[in-house]
């Protein structure tokens, strides 16, 4: 019965077969969102091939846009550090939840914050056509209960195929906070 309800709920858009992707309902406080985020899981993608220990650091630029520094280790937790720098900008100032990110001009991609912890302790970032997905945390690990709750909401509310998620290995000895 649950599967049938999910199929009905996730089959509402005639073009994609799914309802439009919704972002968070509250306005995102960009100053609270800034800082370091650890990738807990993602949809596999070409631009993160062989990445482990992935993290993103966001900081405000003087022009009001956001600096993006993505880093990962290649293949192993001790592998070579790989990084990419870019910028992001808000495209929906009513919520600050829809952004564009560019690592090389003129190309950019959608970055939609579809879930955000009450204390900005985790975030879920998606793409309007659901081809990308990231689960981020302020700490390198996320407890299983929270992770499973997020997976359930991703499947039932946001119509994501959670079987496509790949967990990102992170060093277990790291400690972190927003101010790192």
N, C-alpha and C. Protein backbone atom coordinates (compact mmCIF):
# COMPACT_ATOMS: atom_id res chain seq x y z
N UNK A 1 0.82 -1.20 0.00
CA UNK A 1 0.00 0.00 0.00
C UNK A 1 0.86 1.26 0.00
N UNK A 2 1.93 1.28 0.82
CA UNK A 2 2.81 2.44 0.87
C UNK A 2 3.44 2.69 -0.49
N UNK A 3 3.88 1.63 -1.17
CA UNK A 3 4.49 1.77 -2.48
C UNK A 3 3.50 2.37 -3.47
N UNK A 4 2.26 1.93 -3.43
CA UNK A 4 1.24 2.46 -4.33
C UNK A 4 1.03 3.95 -4.06
N UNK A 5 0.95 4.34 -2.79
CA UNK A 5 0.78 5.75 -2.45
C UNK A 5 1.96 6.58 -2.92
N UNK A 6 3.19 6.07 -2.77
CA UNK A 6 4.36 6.79 -3.25
C UNK A 6 4.32 6.96 -4.75
N UNK A 7 3.93 5.92 -5.46
CA UNK A 7 3.85 6.01 -6.91
C UNK A 7 2.81 7.02 -7.35
N UNK A 8 1.69 7.05 -6.68
CA UNK A 8 0.65 8.03 -6.99
C UNK A 8 1.14 9.43 -6.65
N UNK A 9 1.71 9.62 -5.46
CA UNK A 9 2.18 10.94 -5.03
C UNK A 9 3.32 11.44 -5.90
N UNK A 10 4.16 10.56 -6.38
CA UNK A 10 5.33 10.95 -7.16
C UNK A 10 5.08 10.92 -8.66
N UNK A 11 3.86 10.77 -9.09
CA UNK A 11 3.58 10.68 -10.52
C UNK A 11 2.67 11.78 -11.02
N UNK A 12 2.84 12.99 -10.54
CA UNK A 12 1.89 14.05 -10.84
C UNK A 12 2.25 14.96 -12.01
N UNK A 13 3.50 15.04 -12.42
CA UNK A 13 3.91 15.96 -13.47
C UNK A 13 3.93 15.21 -14.80
N UNK A 14 3.16 15.68 -15.77
CA UNK A 14 3.05 14.94 -17.03
C UNK A 14 4.35 14.94 -17.82
N UNK A 15 5.18 15.96 -17.67
CA UNK A 15 6.42 16.04 -18.43
C UNK A 15 7.49 15.11 -17.87
N UNK A 16 7.67 15.10 -16.55
CA UNK A 16 8.73 14.29 -15.94
C UNK A 16 8.18 13.06 -15.25
N UNK A 17 6.88 12.99 -15.06
CA UNK A 17 6.31 11.88 -14.32
C UNK A 17 6.36 12.09 -12.82
N UNK A 18 6.84 13.25 -12.37
CA UNK A 18 6.95 13.55 -10.94
C UNK A 18 6.46 14.97 -10.68
N UNK A 19 6.05 15.23 -9.44
CA UNK A 19 5.65 16.59 -9.10
C UNK A 19 6.87 17.50 -9.09
N UNK A 20 6.67 18.82 -9.22
CA UNK A 20 7.80 19.74 -9.15
C UNK A 20 8.53 19.59 -7.81
N UNK A 21 9.85 19.75 -7.84
CA UNK A 21 10.65 19.66 -6.62
C UNK A 21 10.42 20.90 -5.78
N UNK A 22 10.15 20.70 -4.51
CA UNK A 22 9.93 21.81 -3.57
C UNK A 22 11.20 22.07 -2.78
N UNK A 23 11.45 23.34 -2.47
CA UNK A 23 12.57 23.71 -1.61
C UNK A 23 12.05 23.85 -0.18
N UNK A 24 12.94 24.20 0.73
CA UNK A 24 12.53 24.37 2.13
C UNK A 24 11.45 25.44 2.22
N UNK A 25 10.60 25.32 3.23
CA UNK A 25 9.49 26.27 3.37
C UNK A 25 9.92 27.56 4.07
N UNK A 26 10.91 27.47 4.95
CA UNK A 26 11.36 28.68 5.65
C UNK A 26 12.44 29.37 4.81
N UNK A 27 12.63 30.67 5.03
CA UNK A 27 13.68 31.39 4.33
C UNK A 27 15.03 30.97 4.89
N UNK A 28 15.96 30.68 3.99
CA UNK A 28 17.31 30.26 4.40
C UNK A 28 18.10 31.49 4.82
N UNK A 29 18.65 31.45 6.03
CA UNK A 29 19.54 32.50 6.52
C UNK A 29 20.93 32.19 5.98
N UNK A 30 21.33 32.90 4.94
CA UNK A 30 22.59 32.59 4.28
C UNK A 30 23.79 32.69 5.22
N UNK A 31 23.76 33.63 6.16
CA UNK A 31 24.88 33.73 7.10
C UNK A 31 25.01 32.47 7.95
N UNK A 32 23.89 31.86 8.31
CA UNK A 32 23.94 30.60 9.07
C UNK A 32 24.34 29.42 8.17
N UNK A 33 24.03 29.52 6.90
CA UNK A 33 24.34 28.44 5.97
C UNK A 33 25.83 28.40 5.60
N UNK A 34 26.48 29.56 5.67
CA UNK A 34 27.90 29.63 5.33
C UNK A 34 28.72 28.73 6.24
N UNK A 35 29.92 28.39 5.80
CA UNK A 35 30.82 27.57 6.59
C UNK A 35 31.08 26.24 5.92
N UNK A 36 31.56 25.29 6.69
CA UNK A 36 31.98 23.99 6.16
C UNK A 36 30.85 22.97 6.28
N UNK A 37 30.68 22.20 5.20
CA UNK A 37 29.71 21.11 5.14
C UNK A 37 30.42 19.85 4.67
N UNK A 38 30.15 18.74 5.32
CA UNK A 38 30.69 17.45 4.93
C UNK A 38 29.63 16.69 4.14
N UNK A 39 30.06 16.06 3.07
CA UNK A 39 29.14 15.27 2.26
C UNK A 39 28.96 13.90 2.91
N UNK A 40 27.72 13.59 3.22
CA UNK A 40 27.38 12.29 3.82
C UNK A 40 27.04 11.27 2.73
N UNK A 41 26.32 11.73 1.71
CA UNK A 41 25.94 10.86 0.59
C UNK A 41 25.62 11.73 -0.61
N UNK A 42 25.65 11.11 -1.79
CA UNK A 42 25.35 11.84 -3.03
C UNK A 42 24.88 10.87 -4.09
N UNK A 43 24.24 11.44 -5.11
CA UNK A 43 24.05 10.70 -6.34
C UNK A 43 25.41 10.71 -7.05
N UNK A 44 25.80 9.57 -7.58
CA UNK A 44 27.07 9.51 -8.29
C UNK A 44 27.03 10.47 -9.47
N UNK A 45 28.13 11.14 -9.74
CA UNK A 45 28.20 12.08 -10.86
C UNK A 45 29.63 12.13 -11.38
N UNK A 46 29.79 12.56 -12.62
CA UNK A 46 31.10 12.56 -13.28
C UNK A 46 32.08 13.53 -12.63
N UNK A 47 31.60 14.67 -12.14
CA UNK A 47 32.53 15.67 -11.61
C UNK A 47 33.03 15.35 -10.22
N UNK A 48 32.55 14.28 -9.60
CA UNK A 48 33.07 13.84 -8.30
C UNK A 48 33.63 12.42 -8.40
N UNK A 49 34.06 12.04 -9.59
CA UNK A 49 34.59 10.69 -9.80
C UNK A 49 35.76 10.44 -8.85
N UNK A 50 35.73 9.31 -8.18
CA UNK A 50 36.78 8.88 -7.24
C UNK A 50 36.91 9.76 -6.00
N UNK A 51 35.93 10.59 -5.70
CA UNK A 51 36.01 11.47 -4.53
C UNK A 51 35.55 10.77 -3.26
N UNK A 52 36.34 10.92 -2.21
CA UNK A 52 35.96 10.53 -0.85
C UNK A 52 36.30 11.71 0.05
N UNK A 53 35.81 11.70 1.27
CA UNK A 53 36.06 12.79 2.22
C UNK A 53 35.71 14.15 1.60
N UNK A 54 34.60 14.19 0.88
CA UNK A 54 34.18 15.42 0.20
C UNK A 54 33.61 16.42 1.18
N UNK A 55 33.95 17.69 0.97
CA UNK A 55 33.39 18.76 1.78
C UNK A 55 33.30 20.03 0.95
N UNK A 56 32.42 20.90 1.37
CA UNK A 56 32.23 22.19 0.71
C UNK A 56 32.31 23.28 1.77
N UNK A 57 32.97 24.38 1.41
CA UNK A 57 33.06 25.52 2.31
C UNK A 57 32.50 26.73 1.57
N UNK A 58 31.53 27.39 2.20
CA UNK A 58 30.88 28.55 1.62
C UNK A 58 31.22 29.79 2.43
N UNK A 59 31.54 30.88 1.73
CA UNK A 59 31.81 32.15 2.41
C UNK A 59 31.25 33.29 1.57
N UNK A 60 30.91 34.38 2.24
CA UNK A 60 30.30 35.53 1.55
C UNK A 60 31.37 36.33 0.83
N UNK A 61 31.09 36.72 -0.38
CA UNK A 61 31.98 37.56 -1.17
C UNK A 61 31.58 39.03 -0.99
N UNK A 62 32.50 39.95 -1.24
CA UNK A 62 32.16 41.37 -1.11
C UNK A 62 31.01 41.81 -2.02
N UNK A 63 30.82 41.12 -3.16
CA UNK A 63 29.75 41.50 -4.09
C UNK A 63 28.39 40.91 -3.70
N UNK A 64 28.32 40.20 -2.56
CA UNK A 64 27.06 39.63 -2.11
C UNK A 64 26.81 38.21 -2.60
N UNK A 65 27.64 37.73 -3.50
CA UNK A 65 27.55 36.34 -3.93
C UNK A 65 28.30 35.46 -2.93
N UNK A 66 28.33 34.17 -3.18
CA UNK A 66 28.92 33.22 -2.24
C UNK A 66 30.10 32.52 -2.91
N UNK A 67 31.25 32.51 -2.22
CA UNK A 67 32.40 31.73 -2.68
C UNK A 67 32.16 30.28 -2.32
N UNK A 68 32.51 29.39 -3.25
CA UNK A 68 32.35 27.95 -3.05
C UNK A 68 33.72 27.30 -3.19
N UNK A 69 34.11 26.53 -2.19
CA UNK A 69 35.33 25.73 -2.27
C UNK A 69 34.94 24.28 -2.01
N UNK A 70 34.98 23.47 -3.06
CA UNK A 70 34.70 22.04 -2.93
C UNK A 70 36.03 21.30 -2.88
N UNK A 71 36.16 20.39 -1.92
CA UNK A 71 37.38 19.61 -1.78
C UNK A 71 37.03 18.14 -1.57
N UNK A 72 37.93 17.28 -2.02
CA UNK A 72 37.79 15.85 -1.74
C UNK A 72 39.17 15.21 -1.83
N UNK A 73 39.24 14.00 -1.32
CA UNK A 73 40.44 13.17 -1.47
C UNK A 73 40.17 12.21 -2.62
N UNK A 74 41.22 11.91 -3.38
CA UNK A 74 41.07 11.02 -4.53
C UNK A 74 41.23 9.56 -4.07
N UNK A 75 40.19 8.80 -4.23
CA UNK A 75 40.13 7.34 -4.03
C UNK A 75 40.22 6.85 -2.59
N UNK A 76 41.08 7.44 -1.76
CA UNK A 76 41.21 6.99 -0.37
C UNK A 76 41.22 8.19 0.56
N UNK A 77 41.00 7.95 1.84
CA UNK A 77 41.00 9.04 2.82
C UNK A 77 42.36 9.72 2.93
N UNK A 78 43.42 9.05 2.48
CA UNK A 78 44.76 9.63 2.49
C UNK A 78 45.18 10.09 1.09
N UNK A 79 44.29 10.00 0.13
CA UNK A 79 44.62 10.33 -1.26
C UNK A 79 44.89 11.81 -1.47
N UNK A 80 45.29 12.12 -2.69
CA UNK A 80 45.58 13.50 -3.08
C UNK A 80 44.35 14.38 -2.86
N UNK A 81 44.59 15.60 -2.36
CA UNK A 81 43.51 16.57 -2.16
C UNK A 81 43.20 17.25 -3.48
N UNK A 82 41.95 17.19 -3.88
CA UNK A 82 41.48 17.81 -5.12
C UNK A 82 40.51 18.92 -4.72
N UNK A 83 40.57 20.06 -5.40
CA UNK A 83 39.65 21.14 -5.06
C UNK A 83 39.15 21.86 -6.31
N UNK A 84 38.00 22.49 -6.15
CA UNK A 84 37.41 23.30 -7.21
C UNK A 84 36.81 24.53 -6.56
N UNK A 85 37.11 25.69 -7.12
CA UNK A 85 36.57 26.95 -6.59
C UNK A 85 35.56 27.51 -7.56
N UNK A 86 34.48 28.05 -7.00
CA UNK A 86 33.45 28.63 -7.83
C UNK A 86 32.69 29.69 -7.06
N UNK A 87 31.57 30.08 -7.61
CA UNK A 87 30.72 31.04 -6.91
C UNK A 87 29.27 30.63 -7.08
N UNK A 88 28.47 31.08 -6.13
CA UNK A 88 27.03 30.81 -6.15
C UNK A 88 26.30 32.12 -5.97
N UNK A 89 25.08 32.17 -6.47
CA UNK A 89 24.25 33.35 -6.28
C UNK A 89 22.80 32.91 -6.14
N UNK A 90 22.07 33.68 -5.37
CA UNK A 90 20.66 33.39 -5.09
C UNK A 90 19.83 33.78 -6.31
N UNK A 91 18.92 32.89 -6.72
CA UNK A 91 18.01 33.21 -7.82
C UNK A 91 16.57 33.36 -7.34
N UNK A 92 16.32 33.03 -6.08
CA UNK A 92 14.99 33.19 -5.49
C UNK A 92 15.15 33.88 -4.14
N UNK A 93 15.21 35.23 -4.14
CA UNK A 93 15.43 35.94 -2.87
C UNK A 93 14.28 35.81 -1.87
N UNK A 94 13.13 35.33 -2.31
CA UNK A 94 12.02 35.14 -1.37
C UNK A 94 12.34 34.06 -0.35
N UNK A 95 13.11 33.03 -0.77
CA UNK A 95 13.45 31.93 0.14
C UNK A 95 14.95 31.75 0.34
N UNK A 96 15.77 32.27 -0.56
CA UNK A 96 17.23 32.02 -0.58
C UNK A 96 17.54 30.54 -0.71
N UNK A 97 16.59 29.72 -1.11
CA UNK A 97 16.78 28.27 -1.19
C UNK A 97 17.13 27.80 -2.60
N UNK A 98 16.97 28.66 -3.59
CA UNK A 98 17.32 28.31 -4.97
C UNK A 98 18.51 29.16 -5.38
N UNK A 99 19.61 28.47 -5.68
CA UNK A 99 20.83 29.15 -6.08
C UNK A 99 21.33 28.57 -7.40
N UNK A 100 22.21 29.30 -8.03
CA UNK A 100 22.98 28.81 -9.17
C UNK A 100 24.42 28.75 -8.71
N UNK A 101 25.16 27.75 -9.19
CA UNK A 101 26.57 27.59 -8.86
C UNK A 101 27.34 27.46 -10.16
N UNK A 102 28.47 28.17 -10.24
CA UNK A 102 29.32 28.10 -11.42
C UNK A 102 30.77 27.87 -11.01
N UNK A 103 31.40 26.90 -11.66
CA UNK A 103 32.82 26.65 -11.46
C UNK A 103 33.63 27.11 -12.66
N UNK A 104 32.98 27.32 -13.79
CA UNK A 104 33.62 27.94 -14.94
C UNK A 104 32.54 28.61 -15.78
N UNK A 105 32.72 29.91 -15.95
CA UNK A 105 31.78 30.75 -16.66
C UNK A 105 31.80 30.37 -18.13
N UNK A 106 30.69 30.33 -18.81
CA UNK A 106 29.35 30.78 -18.47
C UNK A 106 28.44 29.66 -17.97
N UNK A 107 29.00 28.52 -17.64
CA UNK A 107 28.18 27.37 -17.25
C UNK A 107 27.82 27.43 -15.77
N UNK A 108 26.59 27.09 -15.47
CA UNK A 108 26.15 27.06 -14.07
C UNK A 108 25.13 25.94 -13.89
N UNK A 109 24.94 25.57 -12.64
CA UNK A 109 23.97 24.52 -12.33
C UNK A 109 23.07 24.94 -11.18
N UNK A 110 21.93 24.31 -11.11
CA UNK A 110 20.98 24.59 -10.04
C UNK A 110 21.42 23.93 -8.74
N UNK A 111 21.24 24.64 -7.65
CA UNK A 111 21.57 24.18 -6.29
C UNK A 111 20.37 24.56 -5.45
N UNK A 112 19.49 23.59 -5.20
CA UNK A 112 18.27 23.86 -4.46
C UNK A 112 18.34 23.21 -3.09
N UNK A 113 18.17 24.00 -2.05
CA UNK A 113 18.14 23.48 -0.68
C UNK A 113 16.73 22.97 -0.43
N UNK A 114 16.59 21.64 -0.38
CA UNK A 114 15.25 21.05 -0.25
C UNK A 114 14.94 20.63 1.18
N UNK A 115 15.96 20.51 2.01
CA UNK A 115 15.77 20.26 3.45
C UNK A 115 16.89 20.93 4.20
N UNK A 116 16.57 21.38 5.41
CA UNK A 116 17.55 22.05 6.24
C UNK A 116 17.20 21.80 7.69
N UNK A 117 18.17 21.32 8.46
CA UNK A 117 17.93 21.08 9.88
C UNK A 117 17.58 22.37 10.60
N UNK A 118 16.80 22.26 11.64
CA UNK A 118 16.35 23.43 12.40
C UNK A 118 17.51 24.30 12.86
N UNK A 119 18.63 23.68 13.19
CA UNK A 119 19.81 24.41 13.67
C UNK A 119 20.91 24.42 12.61
N UNK A 120 20.53 24.20 11.35
CA UNK A 120 21.47 24.19 10.23
C UNK A 120 22.55 23.13 10.44
N UNK A 121 22.19 22.03 11.09
CA UNK A 121 23.14 20.95 11.34
C UNK A 121 23.23 19.98 10.16
N UNK A 122 22.25 19.99 9.28
CA UNK A 122 22.31 19.20 8.05
C UNK A 122 21.53 19.93 6.97
N UNK A 123 21.84 19.58 5.73
CA UNK A 123 21.13 20.14 4.58
C UNK A 123 21.02 19.05 3.52
N UNK A 124 19.96 19.13 2.74
CA UNK A 124 19.80 18.26 1.59
C UNK A 124 19.68 19.18 0.38
N UNK A 125 20.53 18.94 -0.60
CA UNK A 125 20.59 19.78 -1.79
C UNK A 125 20.23 18.94 -3.00
N UNK A 126 19.31 19.47 -3.79
CA UNK A 126 18.86 18.74 -4.96
C UNK A 126 18.90 19.60 -6.21
N UNK A 127 18.37 19.05 -7.27
CA UNK A 127 18.30 19.68 -8.58
C UNK A 127 16.86 19.57 -9.05
N UNK A 128 16.32 20.60 -9.72
CA UNK A 128 14.90 20.58 -10.08
C UNK A 128 14.46 19.34 -10.87
N UNK A 129 15.34 18.75 -11.67
CA UNK A 129 14.92 17.54 -12.39
C UNK A 129 15.38 16.26 -11.70
N UNK A 130 15.90 16.41 -10.49
CA UNK A 130 16.29 15.29 -9.62
C UNK A 130 17.48 14.48 -10.16
N UNK A 131 18.31 15.08 -10.99
CA UNK A 131 19.47 14.32 -11.48
C UNK A 131 20.65 14.40 -10.52
N UNK A 132 20.64 15.33 -9.58
CA UNK A 132 21.69 15.44 -8.57
C UNK A 132 21.06 15.45 -7.18
N UNK A 133 21.82 14.98 -6.21
CA UNK A 133 21.35 14.98 -4.83
C UNK A 133 22.55 14.86 -3.90
N UNK A 134 22.56 15.67 -2.85
CA UNK A 134 23.59 15.61 -1.83
C UNK A 134 22.95 15.71 -0.45
N UNK A 135 23.45 14.91 0.48
CA UNK A 135 23.11 15.04 1.90
C UNK A 135 24.36 15.56 2.58
N UNK A 136 24.23 16.70 3.23
CA UNK A 136 25.38 17.38 3.85
C UNK A 136 25.17 17.49 5.35
N UNK A 137 26.28 17.54 6.08
CA UNK A 137 26.23 17.66 7.54
C UNK A 137 27.36 18.56 8.00
N UNK A 138 27.16 19.19 9.14
CA UNK A 138 28.23 20.01 9.73
C UNK A 138 29.33 19.14 10.32
N UNK A 139 29.04 17.87 10.52
CA UNK A 139 30.03 16.93 11.05
C UNK A 139 30.28 15.83 10.02
N UNK A 140 31.44 15.18 10.07
CA UNK A 140 31.77 14.17 9.06
C UNK A 140 30.88 12.93 9.08
N UNK A 141 30.22 12.67 10.18
CA UNK A 141 29.31 11.53 10.27
C UNK A 141 27.92 12.01 10.67
N UNK A 142 26.93 11.22 10.27
CA UNK A 142 25.55 11.49 10.64
C UNK A 142 25.01 10.22 11.27
N UNK A 143 24.25 10.36 12.36
CA UNK A 143 23.73 9.14 12.99
C UNK A 143 22.71 8.46 12.06
N UNK A 144 22.64 7.15 12.20
CA UNK A 144 21.81 6.34 11.30
C UNK A 144 20.34 6.72 11.36
N UNK A 145 19.84 7.07 12.54
CA UNK A 145 18.42 7.42 12.67
C UNK A 145 18.09 8.65 11.83
N UNK A 146 18.92 9.69 11.94
CA UNK A 146 18.67 10.91 11.15
C UNK A 146 18.80 10.60 9.67
N UNK A 147 19.84 9.88 9.29
CA UNK A 147 20.07 9.54 7.88
C UNK A 147 18.85 8.80 7.31
N UNK A 148 18.35 7.83 8.04
CA UNK A 148 17.19 7.06 7.56
C UNK A 148 15.93 7.91 7.50
N UNK A 149 15.75 8.84 8.43
CA UNK A 149 14.61 9.77 8.37
C UNK A 149 14.70 10.62 7.10
N UNK A 150 15.89 11.10 6.80
CA UNK A 150 16.09 11.91 5.58
C UNK A 150 15.78 11.06 4.35
N UNK A 151 16.29 9.84 4.31
CA UNK A 151 16.00 8.95 3.17
C UNK A 151 14.51 8.75 2.98
N UNK A 152 13.80 8.52 4.07
CA UNK A 152 12.35 8.32 3.97
C UNK A 152 11.65 9.55 3.40
N UNK A 153 12.05 10.74 3.85
CA UNK A 153 11.43 11.97 3.32
C UNK A 153 11.82 12.19 1.86
N UNK A 154 13.07 11.89 1.52
CA UNK A 154 13.49 12.05 0.12
C UNK A 154 12.64 11.20 -0.81
N UNK A 155 12.34 9.99 -0.39
CA UNK A 155 11.53 9.09 -1.21
C UNK A 155 10.06 9.50 -1.20
N UNK A 156 9.51 9.77 -0.02
CA UNK A 156 8.06 9.99 0.08
C UNK A 156 7.64 11.42 -0.26
N UNK A 157 8.42 12.40 0.12
CA UNK A 157 8.03 13.80 -0.09
C UNK A 157 8.63 14.39 -1.36
N UNK A 158 9.89 14.07 -1.62
CA UNK A 158 10.60 14.70 -2.74
C UNK A 158 10.73 13.79 -3.96
N UNK A 159 10.26 12.55 -3.85
CA UNK A 159 10.24 11.60 -4.98
C UNK A 159 11.62 11.30 -5.55
N UNK A 160 12.62 11.23 -4.69
CA UNK A 160 13.96 10.82 -5.11
C UNK A 160 14.10 9.31 -4.98
N UNK A 161 14.87 8.73 -5.89
CA UNK A 161 15.21 7.31 -5.82
C UNK A 161 16.41 7.18 -4.88
N UNK A 162 16.17 6.85 -3.63
CA UNK A 162 17.25 6.82 -2.64
C UNK A 162 18.18 5.63 -2.83
N UNK A 163 17.80 4.66 -3.66
CA UNK A 163 18.72 3.54 -3.92
C UNK A 163 19.92 4.00 -4.74
N UNK A 164 19.83 5.17 -5.36
CA UNK A 164 20.95 5.71 -6.15
C UNK A 164 21.99 6.44 -5.29
N UNK A 165 21.67 6.69 -4.03
CA UNK A 165 22.61 7.41 -3.16
C UNK A 165 23.84 6.55 -2.86
N UNK A 166 24.99 7.19 -2.90
CA UNK A 166 26.26 6.56 -2.55
C UNK A 166 26.77 7.26 -1.30
N UNK A 167 27.02 6.50 -0.24
CA UNK A 167 27.55 7.10 0.99
C UNK A 167 29.01 7.51 0.76
N UNK A 168 29.37 8.65 1.30
CA UNK A 168 30.71 9.21 1.13
C UNK A 168 31.58 8.86 2.32
N UNK A 169 32.66 8.11 2.13
CA UNK A 169 33.56 7.85 3.25
C UNK A 169 34.15 9.15 3.79
N UNK A 170 34.15 9.29 5.09
CA UNK A 170 34.73 10.46 5.77
C UNK A 170 35.62 9.95 6.90
N UNK A 171 36.70 10.68 7.21
CA UNK A 171 37.52 10.28 8.36
C UNK A 171 36.70 10.31 9.64
N UNK A 172 36.82 9.29 10.45
CA UNK A 172 36.02 9.22 11.68
C UNK A 172 36.61 10.07 12.80
N UNK A 173 37.86 10.49 12.67
CA UNK A 173 38.51 11.23 13.75
C UNK A 173 38.29 12.74 13.67
N UNK A 174 37.67 13.24 12.61
CA UNK A 174 37.49 14.68 12.46
C UNK A 174 36.42 15.21 13.39
N UNK A 175 36.65 16.38 13.91
CA UNK A 175 35.64 17.13 14.65
C UNK A 175 35.42 18.41 13.87
N UNK A 176 34.21 18.92 13.89
CA UNK A 176 33.94 20.11 13.12
C UNK A 176 32.82 20.92 13.74
N UNK A 177 32.80 22.18 13.34
CA UNK A 177 31.68 23.06 13.66
C UNK A 177 31.53 24.02 12.50
N UNK A 178 30.49 24.82 12.50
CA UNK A 178 30.25 25.77 11.42
C UNK A 178 31.43 26.72 11.26
N UNK A 179 32.13 27.01 12.33
CA UNK A 179 33.19 28.01 12.30
C UNK A 179 34.54 27.46 11.85
N UNK A 180 34.63 26.17 11.53
CA UNK A 180 35.92 25.61 11.08
C UNK A 180 36.41 26.31 9.84
